[in-house]
Structure formats: C-alpha cells, structure tokens
C-alpha cells in the first residue's frame, strides 16, 4: 500500500490496483526496456517518465476512460492521483505542446 507523507489515502479500488502493481516488477522492467529501446545514450539527456509512472498512468487512463488531456489535468489537480501514479507532490509536466494536446 502506498501512502504519501500527507496522510492521503487512495480510494479502495486504486489502493488494490496499486498493491497489485507493486508486485509486478517483471512487467515494469519490460516497460523500462521498451522505453529505452533504440536510444543511443539512454542515460543522458532529460529525465523523462519512469516505467512505473507510465504503467500507472496508463492503468488510470483506461480505468477512468480518460483521454490524455483529461489524464494530465486530473493528475495535476489531484493529490491522490499523483500519489497513485508516483508523481506524488511534484507538479505533472505538460510535455505536449498545446497544439498537439488540442488534437488528441
């Protein structure tokens, strides 16, 4: 069970999914390998999303039936969703230009 320093609790369904995902180290490693595949120097440059953040964001997106814009806005607005997706109290980055986000 993940719980942030602020004493915020996840809703029961997200808490159960979070506990399940915590045990899926092999899946997370496969996602990490996919994210760095084809990169010439994966250890250099800007740090992007972690494999865990990608997986948890995708699960949340599919669970709530949100598009990418809705997902970004909800994670940015919600402490519990940042906790679930491993962004915690960090502001979620808008890595998509506004013109690209409007076409999603």
PDB file of N, CA and C in Angstrom:
ATOM      1  N   UNK A   1       0.850  -1.177   0.000  1.00  0.00           N
ATOM      2  CA  UNK A   1       0.000   0.000   0.000  1.00  0.00           C
ATOM      3  C   UNK A   1       0.889   1.231   0.000  1.00  0.00           C
ATOM      4  N   UNK A   2       0.576   2.155  -0.889  1.00  0.00           N
ATOM      5  CA  UNK A   2       1.323   3.400  -0.976  1.00  0.00           C
ATOM      6  C   UNK A   2       0.567   4.467  -0.233  1.00  0.00           C
ATOM      7  N   UNK A   3       1.278   5.216   0.528  1.00  0.00           N
ATOM      8  CA  UNK A   3       0.662   6.316   1.246  1.00  0.00           C
ATOM      9  C   UNK A   3       1.665   7.446   1.330  1.00  0.00           C
ATOM     10  N   UNK A   4       1.230   8.620   0.905  1.00  0.00           N
ATOM     11  CA  UNK A   4       2.124   9.774   0.892  1.00  0.00           C
ATOM     12  C   UNK A   4       2.313  10.333   2.286  1.00  0.00           C
ATOM     13  N   UNK A   5       3.211  11.273   2.393  1.00  0.00           N
ATOM     14  CA  UNK A   5       3.510  11.905   3.677  1.00  0.00           C
ATOM     15  C   UNK A   5       2.367  12.750   4.198  1.00  0.00           C
ATOM     16  N   UNK A   6       1.417  13.123   3.348  1.00  0.00           N
ATOM     17  CA  UNK A   6       0.334  13.991   3.759  1.00  0.00           C
ATOM     18  C   UNK A   6      -0.820  13.233   4.415  1.00  0.00           C
ATOM     19  N   UNK A   7      -0.742  11.920   4.549  1.00  0.00           N
ATOM     20  CA  UNK A   7      -1.805  11.141   5.166  1.00  0.00           C
ATOM     21  C   UNK A   7      -3.001  10.956   4.255  1.00  0.00           C
ATOM     22  N   UNK A   8      -2.824  11.105   2.945  1.00  0.00           N
ATOM     23  CA  UNK A   8      -3.903  10.950   1.982  1.00  0.00           C
ATOM     24  C   UNK A   8      -4.021   9.473   1.628  1.00  0.00           C
ATOM     25  N   UNK A   9      -5.257   8.979   1.630  1.00  0.00           N
ATOM     26  CA  UNK A   9      -5.483   7.572   1.288  1.00  0.00           C
ATOM     27  C   UNK A   9      -6.124   7.469  -0.079  1.00  0.00           C
ATOM     28  N   UNK A  10      -5.721   6.458  -0.814  1.00  0.00           N
ATOM     29  CA  UNK A  10      -6.325   6.185  -2.113  1.00  0.00           C
ATOM     30  C   UNK A  10      -7.713   5.596  -1.925  1.00  0.00           C
ATOM     31  N   UNK A  11      -8.549   5.756  -2.941  1.00  0.00           N
ATOM     32  CA  UNK A  11      -9.839   5.080  -2.905  1.00  0.00           C
ATOM     33  C   UNK A  11      -9.573   3.575  -2.947  1.00  0.00           C
ATOM     34  N   UNK A  12     -10.462   2.751  -2.405  1.00  0.00           N
ATOM     35  CA  UNK A  12     -10.186   1.311  -2.267  1.00  0.00           C
ATOM     36  C   UNK A  12      -9.782   0.608  -3.562  1.00  0.00           C
ATOM     37  N   UNK A  13     -10.430   0.928  -4.682  1.00  0.00           N
ATOM     38  CA  UNK A  13     -10.074   0.275  -5.935  1.00  0.00           C
ATOM     39  C   UNK A  13      -8.650   0.631  -6.353  1.00  0.00           C
ATOM     40  N   UNK A  14      -8.299   1.915  -6.282  1.00  0.00           N
ATOM     41  CA  UNK A  14      -6.938   2.317  -6.649  1.00  0.00           C
ATOM     42  C   UNK A  14      -5.904   1.748  -5.684  1.00  0.00           C
ATOM     43  N   UNK A  15      -6.268   1.625  -4.425  1.00  0.00           N
ATOM     44  CA  UNK A  15      -5.358   1.036  -3.437  1.00  0.00           C
ATOM     45  C   UNK A  15      -5.081  -0.434  -3.771  1.00  0.00           C
ATOM     46  N   UNK A  16      -6.114  -1.169  -4.163  1.00  0.00           N
ATOM     47  CA  UNK A  16      -5.941  -2.581  -4.532  1.00  0.00           C
ATOM     48  C   UNK A  16      -5.098  -2.710  -5.804  1.00  0.00           C
ATOM     49  N   UNK A  17      -5.370  -1.863  -6.783  1.00  0.00           N
ATOM     50  CA  UNK A  17      -4.591  -1.896  -8.028  1.00  0.00           C
ATOM     51  C   UNK A  17      -3.143  -1.524  -7.741  1.00  0.00           C
ATOM     52  N   UNK A  18      -2.942  -0.528  -6.889  1.00  0.00           N
ATOM     53  CA  UNK A  18      -1.592  -0.106  -6.527  1.00  0.00           C
ATOM     54  C   UNK A  18      -0.810  -1.248  -5.879  1.00  0.00           C
ATOM     55  N   UNK A  19      -1.450  -1.954  -4.966  1.00  0.00           N
ATOM     56  CA  UNK A  19      -0.789  -3.088  -4.310  1.00  0.00           C
ATOM     57  C   UNK A  19      -0.435  -4.171  -5.329  1.00  0.00           C
ATOM     58  N   UNK A  20      -1.327  -4.413  -6.276  1.00  0.00           N
ATOM     59  CA  UNK A  20      -1.064  -5.400  -7.327  1.00  0.00           C
ATOM     60  C   UNK A  20       0.115  -4.956  -8.195  1.00  0.00           C
ATOM     61  N   UNK A  21       0.108  -3.691  -8.612  1.00  0.00           N
ATOM     62  CA  UNK A  21       1.183  -3.186  -9.471  1.00  0.00           C
ATOM     63  C   UNK A  21       2.530  -3.180  -8.758  1.00  0.00           C
ATOM     64  N   UNK A  22       2.515  -2.984  -7.450  1.00  0.00           N
ATOM     65  CA  UNK A  22       3.767  -3.019  -6.686  1.00  0.00           C
ATOM     66  C   UNK A  22       4.469  -4.363  -6.805  1.00  0.00           C
ATOM     67  N   UNK A  23       3.713  -5.414  -7.034  1.00  0.00           N
ATOM     68  CA  UNK A  23       4.279  -6.761  -7.132  1.00  0.00           C
ATOM     69  C   UNK A  23       4.693  -7.132  -8.556  1.00  0.00           C
ATOM     70  N   UNK A  24       4.502  -6.258  -9.506  1.00  0.00           N
ATOM     71  CA  UNK A  24       4.732  -6.583 -10.921  1.00  0.00           C
ATOM     72  C   UNK A  24       6.078  -6.050 -11.420  1.00  0.00           C
ATOM     73  N   UNK A  25       7.142  -6.375 -10.723  1.00  0.00           N
ATOM     74  CA  UNK A  25       8.477  -5.878 -11.082  1.00  0.00           C
ATOM     75  C   UNK A  25       8.912  -6.332 -12.477  1.00  0.00           C
ATOM     76  N   UNK A  26       8.541  -7.555 -12.877  1.00  0.00           N
ATOM     77  CA  UNK A  26       8.922  -8.044 -14.207  1.00  0.00           C
ATOM     78  C   UNK A  26       8.260  -7.218 -15.309  1.00  0.00           C
ATOM     79  N   UNK A  27       7.004  -6.878 -15.127  1.00  0.00           N
ATOM     80  CA  UNK A  27       6.281  -6.068 -16.108  1.00  0.00           C
ATOM     81  C   UNK A  27       6.896  -4.673 -16.189  1.00  0.00           C
ATOM     82  N   UNK A  28       7.192  -4.100 -15.041  1.00  0.00           N
ATOM     83  CA  UNK A  28       7.788  -2.757 -15.009  1.00  0.00           C
ATOM     84  C   UNK A  28       9.158  -2.765 -15.692  1.00  0.00           C
ATOM     85  N   UNK A  29       9.917  -3.814 -15.503  1.00  0.00           N
ATOM     86  CA  UNK A  29      11.224  -3.921 -16.164  1.00  0.00           C
ATOM     87  C   UNK A  29      11.052  -4.037 -17.682  1.00  0.00           C
ATOM     88  N   UNK A  30      10.065  -4.772 -18.151  1.00  0.00           N
ATOM     89  CA  UNK A  30       9.789  -4.870 -19.593  1.00  0.00           C
ATOM     90  C   UNK A  30       9.423  -3.500 -20.165  1.00  0.00           C
ATOM     91  N   UNK A  31       8.615  -2.747 -19.431  1.00  0.00           N
ATOM     92  CA  UNK A  31       8.236  -1.404 -19.871  1.00  0.00           C
ATOM     93  C   UNK A  31       9.462  -0.504 -19.912  1.00  0.00           C
ATOM     94  N   UNK A  32      10.317  -0.592 -18.899  1.00  0.00           N
ATOM     95  CA  UNK A  32      11.535   0.216 -18.875  1.00  0.00           C
ATOM     96  C   UNK A  32      12.411  -0.081 -20.094  1.00  0.00           C
ATOM     97  N   UNK A  33      12.559  -1.375 -20.420  1.00  0.00           N
ATOM     98  CA  UNK A  33      13.365  -1.754 -21.593  1.00  0.00           C
ATOM     99  C   UNK A  33      12.747  -1.215 -22.871  1.00  0.00           C
ATOM    100  N   UNK A  34      11.419  -1.258 -22.974  1.00  0.00           N
ATOM    101  CA  UNK A  34      10.754  -0.708 -24.152  1.00  0.00           C
ATOM    102  C   UNK A  34      10.970   0.796 -24.275  1.00  0.00           C
ATOM    103  N   UNK A  35      10.976   1.495 -23.149  1.00  0.00           N
ATOM    104  CA  UNK A  35      11.150   2.945 -23.169  1.00  0.00           C
ATOM    105  C   UNK A  35      12.547   3.362 -23.623  1.00  0.00           C
ATOM    106  N   UNK A  36      13.561   2.558 -23.337  1.00  0.00           N
ATOM    107  CA  UNK A  36      14.927   2.922 -23.718  1.00  0.00           C
ATOM    108  C   UNK A  36      15.381   2.244 -25.007  1.00  0.00           C
ATOM    109  N   UNK A  37      14.570   1.359 -25.543  1.00  0.00           N
ATOM    110  CA  UNK A  37      14.953   0.659 -26.772  1.00  0.00           C
ATOM    111  C   UNK A  37      15.140   1.666 -27.899  1.00  0.00           C
ATOM    112  N   UNK A  38      16.225   1.558 -28.607  1.00  0.00           N
ATOM    113  CA  UNK A  38      16.501   2.432 -29.730  1.00  0.00           C
ATOM    114  C   UNK A  38      17.190   3.737 -29.374  1.00  0.00           C
ATOM    115  N   UNK A  39      17.332   4.018 -28.099  1.00  0.00           N
ATOM    116  CA  UNK A  39      18.034   5.245 -27.697  1.00  0.00           C
ATOM    117  C   UNK A  39      19.532   4.998 -27.738  1.00  0.00           C
ATOM    118  N   UNK A  40      20.271   5.921 -28.317  1.00  0.00           N
ATOM    119  CA  UNK A  40      21.720   5.748 -28.410  1.00  0.00           C
ATOM    120  C   UNK A  40      22.387   5.876 -27.056  1.00  0.00           C
ATOM    121  N   UNK A  41      21.932   6.833 -26.244  1.00  0.00           N
ATOM    122  CA  UNK A  41      22.508   7.057 -24.920  1.00  0.00           C
ATOM    123  C   UNK A  41      21.362   7.244 -23.914  1.00  0.00           C
ATOM    124  N   UNK A  42      20.752   6.161 -23.474  1.00  0.00           N
ATOM    125  CA  UNK A  42      19.580   6.281 -22.606  1.00  0.00           C
ATOM    126  C   UNK A  42      19.864   6.941 -21.256  1.00  0.00           C
ATOM    127  N   UNK A  43      21.098   6.974 -20.830  1.00  0.00           N
ATOM    128  CA  UNK A  43      21.425   7.579 -19.544  1.00  0.00           C
ATOM    129  C   UNK A  43      21.678   9.073 -19.606  1.00  0.00           C
ATOM    130  N   UNK A  44      21.660   9.641 -20.812  1.00  0.00           N
ATOM    131  CA  UNK A  44      21.936  11.072 -20.934  1.00  0.00           C
ATOM    132  C   UNK A  44      20.666  11.813 -21.331  1.00  0.00           C
ATOM    133  N   UNK A  45      20.715  13.125 -21.185  1.00  0.00           N
ATOM    134  CA  UNK A  45      19.573  13.949 -21.567  1.00  0.00           C
ATOM    135  C   UNK A  45      18.595  14.138 -20.422  1.00  0.00           C
ATOM    136  N   UNK A  46      17.479  14.698 -20.749  1.00  0.00           N
ATOM    137  CA  UNK A  46      16.449  14.999 -19.757  1.00  0.00           C
ATOM    138  C   UNK A  46      15.841  13.701 -19.221  1.00  0.00           C
ATOM    139  N   UNK A  47      15.575  13.691 -17.921  1.00  0.00           N
ATOM    140  CA  UNK A  47      14.918  12.541 -17.330  1.00  0.00           C
ATOM    141  C   UNK A  47      13.434  12.612 -17.658  1.00  0.00           C
ATOM    142  N   UNK A  48      12.919  11.560 -18.234  1.00  0.00           N
ATOM    143  CA  UNK A  48      11.506  11.513 -18.583  1.00  0.00           C
ATOM    144  C   UNK A  48      10.711  10.777 -17.521  1.00  0.00           C
ATOM    145  N   UNK A  49       9.612  10.219 -17.925  1.00  0.00           N
ATOM    146  CA  UNK A  49       8.777   9.445 -17.009  1.00  0.00           C
ATOM    147  C   UNK A  49       9.440   8.104 -16.737  1.00  0.00           C
ATOM    148  N   UNK A  50       9.238   7.600 -15.541  1.00  0.00           N
ATOM    149  CA  UNK A  50       9.737   6.267 -15.210  1.00  0.00           C
ATOM    150  C   UNK A  50       8.767   5.224 -15.756  1.00  0.00           C
ATOM    151  N   UNK A  51       9.218   3.997 -15.828  1.00  0.00           N
ATOM    152  CA  UNK A  51       8.345   2.912 -16.284  1.00  0.00           C
ATOM    153  C   UNK A  51       7.134   2.774 -15.367  1.00  0.00           C
ATOM    154  N   UNK A  52       7.332   2.950 -14.086  1.00  0.00           N
ATOM    155  CA  UNK A  52       6.228   2.861 -13.128  1.00  0.00           C
ATOM    156  C   UNK A  52       5.210   3.965 -13.381  1.00  0.00           C
ATOM    157  N   UNK A  53       5.677   5.180 -13.647  1.00  0.00           N
ATOM    158  CA  UNK A  53       4.755   6.278 -13.922  1.00  0.00           C
ATOM    159  C   UNK A  53       3.969   6.035 -15.204  1.00  0.00           C
ATOM    160  N   UNK A  54       4.628   5.494 -16.221  1.00  0.00           N
ATOM    161  CA  UNK A  54       3.950   5.191 -17.481  1.00  0.00           C
ATOM    162  C   UNK A  54       2.873   4.139 -17.264  1.00  0.00           C
ATOM    163  N   UNK A  55       3.221   3.053 -16.595  1.00  0.00           N
ATOM    164  CA  UNK A  55       2.261   1.973 -16.359  1.00  0.00           C
ATOM    165  C   UNK A  55       1.078   2.458 -15.537  1.00  0.00           C
ATOM    166  N   UNK A  56       1.345   3.131 -14.443  1.00  0.00           N
ATOM    167  CA  UNK A  56       0.263   3.588 -13.559  1.00  0.00           C
ATOM    168  C   UNK A  56      -0.613   4.639 -14.239  1.00  0.00           C
ATOM    169  N   UNK A  57      -0.017   5.498 -15.044  1.00  0.00           N
ATOM    170  CA  UNK A  57      -0.808   6.487 -15.773  1.00  0.00           C
ATOM    171  C   UNK A  57      -1.697   5.814 -16.809  1.00  0.00           C
ATOM    172  N   UNK A  58      -1.171   4.828 -17.509  1.00  0.00           N
ATOM    173  CA  UNK A  58      -1.970   4.097 -18.490  1.00  0.00           C
ATOM    174  C   UNK A  58      -3.122   3.346 -17.821  1.00  0.00           C
ATOM    175  N   UNK A  59      -2.847   2.700 -16.693  1.00  0.00           N
ATOM    176  CA  UNK A  59      -3.892   1.991 -15.964  1.00  0.00           C
ATOM    177  C   UNK A  59      -4.986   2.971 -15.537  1.00  0.00           C
ATOM    178  N   UNK A  60      -4.594   4.102 -15.003  1.00  0.00           N
ATOM    179  CA  UNK A  60      -5.561   5.105 -14.566  1.00  0.00           C
ATOM    180  C   UNK A  60      -6.366   5.645 -15.744  1.00  0.00           C
ATOM    181  N   UNK A  61      -5.695   5.892 -16.843  1.00  0.00           N
ATOM    182  CA  UNK A  61      -6.353   6.402 -18.039  1.00  0.00           C
ATOM    183  C   UNK A  61      -7.416   5.429 -18.540  1.00  0.00           C
ATOM    184  N   UNK A  62      -7.084   4.157 -18.558  1.00  0.00           N
ATOM    185  CA  UNK A  62      -8.031   3.136 -19.039  1.00  0.00           C
ATOM    186  C   UNK A  62      -9.134   2.881 -18.020  1.00  0.00           C
ATOM    187  N   UNK A  63      -8.795   2.877 -16.761  1.00  0.00           N
ATOM    188  CA  UNK A  63      -9.769   2.632 -15.701  1.00  0.00           C
ATOM    189  C   UNK A  63     -10.850   3.715 -15.680  1.00  0.00           C
ATOM    190  N   UNK A  64     -10.430   4.969 -15.847  1.00  0.00           N
ATOM    191  CA  UNK A  64     -11.358   6.104 -15.778  1.00  0.00           C
ATOM    192  C   UNK A  64     -11.899   6.515 -17.147  1.00  0.00           C
ATOM    193  N   UNK A  65     -11.410   5.860 -18.212  1.00  0.00           N
ATOM    194  CA  UNK A  65     -11.838   6.167 -19.579  1.00  0.00           C
ATOM    195  C   UNK A  65     -11.554   7.636 -19.935  1.00  0.00           C
ATOM    196  N   UNK A  66     -10.335   8.102 -19.613  1.00  0.00           N
ATOM    197  CA  UNK A  66      -9.925   9.466 -19.884  1.00  0.00           C
ATOM    198  C   UNK A  66      -9.031   9.502 -21.111  1.00  0.00           C
ATOM    199  N   UNK A  67      -9.054  10.603 -21.827  1.00  0.00           N
ATOM    200  CA  UNK A  67      -8.074  10.809 -22.885  1.00  0.00           C
ATOM    201  C   UNK A  67      -6.810  11.399 -22.245  1.00  0.00           C
ATOM    202  N   UNK A  68      -5.792  11.638 -23.052  1.00  0.00           N
ATOM    203  CA  UNK A  68      -4.523  12.110 -22.496  1.00  0.00           C
ATOM    204  C   UNK A  68      -4.662  13.470 -21.813  1.00  0.00           C
ATOM    205  N   UNK A  69      -5.426  14.367 -22.399  1.00  0.00           N
ATOM    206  CA  UNK A  69      -5.603  15.691 -21.803  1.00  0.00           C
ATOM    207  C   UNK A  69      -6.282  15.580 -20.441  1.00  0.00           C
ATOM    208  N   UNK A  70      -7.351  14.798 -20.372  1.00  0.00           N
ATOM    209  CA  UNK A  70      -8.068  14.617 -19.104  1.00  0.00           C
ATOM    210  C   UNK A  70      -7.151  13.989 -18.063  1.00  0.00           C
ATOM    211  N   UNK A  71      -6.383  12.999 -18.474  1.00  0.00           N
ATOM    212  CA  UNK A  71      -5.444  12.348 -17.558  1.00  0.00           C
ATOM    213  C   UNK A  71      -4.464  13.365 -16.988  1.00  0.00           C
ATOM    214  N   UNK A  72      -3.869  14.171 -17.846  1.00  0.00           N
ATOM    215  CA  UNK A  72      -2.894  15.179 -17.405  1.00  0.00           C
ATOM    216  C   UNK A  72      -3.530  16.170 -16.438  1.00  0.00           C
ATOM    217  N   UNK A  73      -4.716  16.638 -16.774  1.00  0.00           N
ATOM    218  CA  UNK A  73      -5.387  17.618 -15.912  1.00  0.00           C
ATOM    219  C   UNK A  73      -5.761  17.015 -14.563  1.00  0.00           C
ATOM    220  N   UNK A  74      -6.271  15.789 -14.571  1.00  0.00           N
ATOM    221  CA  UNK A  74      -6.682  15.158 -13.315  1.00  0.00           C
ATOM    222  C   UNK A  74      -5.494  14.864 -12.416  1.00  0.00           C
ATOM    223  N   UNK A  75      -4.391  14.396 -13.002  1.00  0.00           N
ATOM    224  CA  UNK A  75      -3.189  14.129 -12.192  1.00  0.00           C
ATOM    225  C   UNK A  75      -2.649  15.440 -11.624  1.00  0.00           C
ATOM    226  N   UNK A  76      -2.653  16.496 -12.434  1.00  0.00           N
ATOM    227  CA  UNK A  76      -2.153  17.789 -11.960  1.00  0.00           C
ATOM    228  C   UNK A  76      -3.020  18.333 -10.827  1.00  0.00           C
ATOM    229  N   UNK A  77      -4.320  18.052 -10.860  1.00  0.00           N
ATOM    230  CA  UNK A  77      -5.246  18.593  -9.855  1.00  0.00           C
ATOM    231  C   UNK A  77      -5.393  17.736  -8.606  1.00  0.00           C
ATOM    232  N   UNK A  78      -5.071  16.456  -8.686  1.00  0.00           N
ATOM    233  CA  UNK A  78      -5.390  15.572  -7.578  1.00  0.00           C
ATOM    234  C   UNK A  78      -4.200  14.962  -6.870  1.00  0.00           C
ATOM    235  N   UNK A  79      -4.097  15.220  -5.580  1.00  0.00           N
ATOM    236  CA  UNK A  79      -3.005  14.673  -4.788  1.00  0.00           C
ATOM    237  C   UNK A  79      -3.031  13.146  -4.773  1.00  0.00           C
ATOM    238  N   UNK A  80      -4.217  12.558  -4.641  1.00  0.00           N
ATOM    239  CA  UNK A  80      -4.283  11.091  -4.597  1.00  0.00           C
ATOM    240  C   UNK A  80      -3.898  10.484  -5.938  1.00  0.00           C
ATOM    241  N   UNK A  81      -4.241  11.156  -7.038  1.00  0.00           N
ATOM    242  CA  UNK A  81      -3.861  10.616  -8.350  1.00  0.00           C
ATOM    243  C   UNK A  81      -2.365  10.760  -8.587  1.00  0.00           C
ATOM    244  N   UNK A  82      -1.763  11.851  -8.094  1.00  0.00           N
ATOM    245  CA  UNK A  82      -0.298  11.973  -8.184  1.00  0.00           C
ATOM    246  C   UNK A  82       0.366  10.899  -7.339  1.00  0.00           C
ATOM    247  N   UNK A  83      -0.234  10.587  -6.209  1.00  0.00           N
ATOM    248  CA  UNK A  83       0.302   9.532  -5.353  1.00  0.00           C
ATOM    249  C   UNK A  83       0.207   8.181  -6.073  1.00  0.00           C
ATOM    250  N   UNK A  84      -0.944   7.891  -6.665  1.00  0.00           N
ATOM    251  CA  UNK A  84      -1.129   6.611  -7.362  1.00  0.00           C
ATOM    252  C   UNK A  84      -0.160   6.461  -8.526  1.00  0.00           C
ATOM    253  N   UNK A  85       0.054   7.531  -9.279  1.00  0.00           N
ATOM    254  CA  UNK A  85       0.899   7.458 -10.468  1.00  0.00           C
ATOM    255  C   UNK A  85       2.376   7.690 -10.177  1.00  0.00           C
ATOM    256  N   UNK A  86       2.740   7.822  -8.918  1.00  0.00           N
ATOM    257  CA  UNK A  86       4.126   8.038  -8.497  1.00  0.00           C
ATOM    258  C   UNK A  86       4.670   9.417  -8.840  1.00  0.00           C
ATOM    259  N   UNK A  87       3.794  10.380  -9.105  1.00  0.00           N
ATOM    260  CA  UNK A  87       4.241  11.756  -9.258  1.00  0.00           C
ATOM    261  C   UNK A  87       4.278  12.435  -7.894  1.00  0.00           C
ATOM    262  N   UNK A  88       3.584  11.871  -6.926  1.00  0.00           N
ATOM    263  CA  UNK A  88       3.492  12.399  -5.568  1.00  0.00           C
ATOM    264  C   UNK A  88       3.181  13.880  -5.600  1.00  0.00           C
ATOM    265  N   UNK A  89       3.946  14.706  -4.919  1.00  0.00           N
ATOM    266  CA  UNK A  89       3.632  16.134  -4.836  1.00  0.00           C
ATOM    267  C   UNK A  89       4.297  16.939  -5.931  1.00  0.00           C
ATOM    268  N   UNK A  90       5.017  16.283  -6.792  1.00  0.00           N
ATOM    269  CA  UNK A  90       5.641  17.006  -7.893  1.00  0.00           C
ATOM    270  C   UNK A  90       4.567  17.413  -8.891  1.00  0.00           C
ATOM    271  N   UNK A  91       4.729  18.575  -9.455  1.00  0.00           N
ATOM    272  CA  UNK A  91       3.781  19.004 -10.480  1.00  0.00           C
ATOM    273  C   UNK A  91       3.970  18.118 -11.697  1.00  0.00           C
ATOM    274  N   UNK A  92       2.863  17.687 -12.290  1.00  0.00           N
ATOM    275  CA  UNK A  92       2.983  16.901 -13.507  1.00  0.00           C
ATOM    276  C   UNK A  92       3.395  17.831 -14.636  1.00  0.00           C
ATOM    277  N   UNK A  93       4.268  17.340 -15.485  1.00  0.00           N
ATOM    278  CA  UNK A  93       4.783  18.158 -16.567  1.00  0.00           C
ATOM    279  C   UNK A  93       3.862  18.072 -17.768  1.00  0.00           C
ATOM    280  N   UNK A  94       3.645  19.185 -18.399  1.00  0.00           N
ATOM    281  CA  UNK A  94       2.936  19.194 -19.662  1.00  0.00           C
ATOM    282  C   UNK A  94       4.005  19.075 -20.740  1.00  0.00           C
ATOM    283  N   UNK A  95       4.255  17.864 -21.181  1.00  0.00           N
ATOM    284  CA  UNK A  95       5.319  17.638 -22.149  1.00  0.00           C
ATOM    285  C   UNK A  95       4.805  17.758 -23.577  1.00  0.00           C
ATOM    286  N   UNK A  96       3.482  17.923 -23.731  1.00  0.00           N
ATOM    287  CA  UNK A  96       2.887  18.045 -25.032  1.00  0.00           C
ATOM    288  C   UNK A  96       2.664  19.518 -25.366  1.00  0.00           C
ATOM    289  N   UNK A  97       3.077  19.978 -26.532  1.00  0.00           N
ATOM    290  CA  UNK A  97       2.750  21.356 -26.905  1.00  0.00           C
ATOM    291  C   UNK A  97       1.235  21.531 -26.945  1.00  0.00           C
ATOM    292  N   UNK A  98       0.763  22.720 -26.668  1.00  0.00           N
ATOM    293  CA  UNK A  98      -0.682  22.943 -26.598  1.00  0.00           C
ATOM    294  C   UNK A  98      -1.378  22.599 -27.904  1.00  0.00           C
ATOM    295  N   UNK A  99      -0.723  22.809 -29.027  1.00  0.00           N
ATOM    296  CA  UNK A  99      -1.342  22.468 -30.314  1.00  0.00           C
ATOM    297  C   UNK A  99      -1.498  20.961 -30.476  1.00  0.00           C
ATOM    298  N   UNK A 100      -0.528  20.200 -29.956  1.00  0.00           N
ATOM    299  CA  UNK A 100      -0.629  18.741 -30.025  1.00  0.00           C
ATOM    300  C   UNK A 100      -1.686  18.235 -29.067  1.00  0.00           C
ATOM    301  N   UNK A 101      -1.787  18.840 -27.893  1.00  0.00           N
ATOM    302  CA  UNK A 101      -2.769  18.414 -26.893  1.00  0.00           C
ATOM    303  C   UNK A 101      -4.187  18.659 -27.389  1.00  0.00           C
ATOM    304  N   UNK A 102      -4.391  19.717 -28.154  1.00  0.00           N
ATOM    305  CA  UNK A 102      -5.742  20.011 -28.625  1.00  0.00           C
ATOM    306  C   UNK A 102      -6.184  19.051 -29.706  1.00  0.00           C
ATOM    307  N   UNK A 103      -5.234  18.382 -30.359  1.00  0.00           N
ATOM    308  CA  UNK A 103      -5.615  17.435 -31.411  1.00  0.00           C
ATOM    309  C   UNK A 103      -5.807  16.025 -30.891  1.00  0.00           C
ATOM    310  N   UNK A 104      -5.504  15.787 -29.608  1.00  0.00           N
ATOM    311  CA  UNK A 104      -5.635  14.446 -29.032  1.00  0.00           C
ATOM    312  C   UNK A 104      -7.052  14.129 -28.751  1.00  0.00           C
TER     313      UNK A 104
END
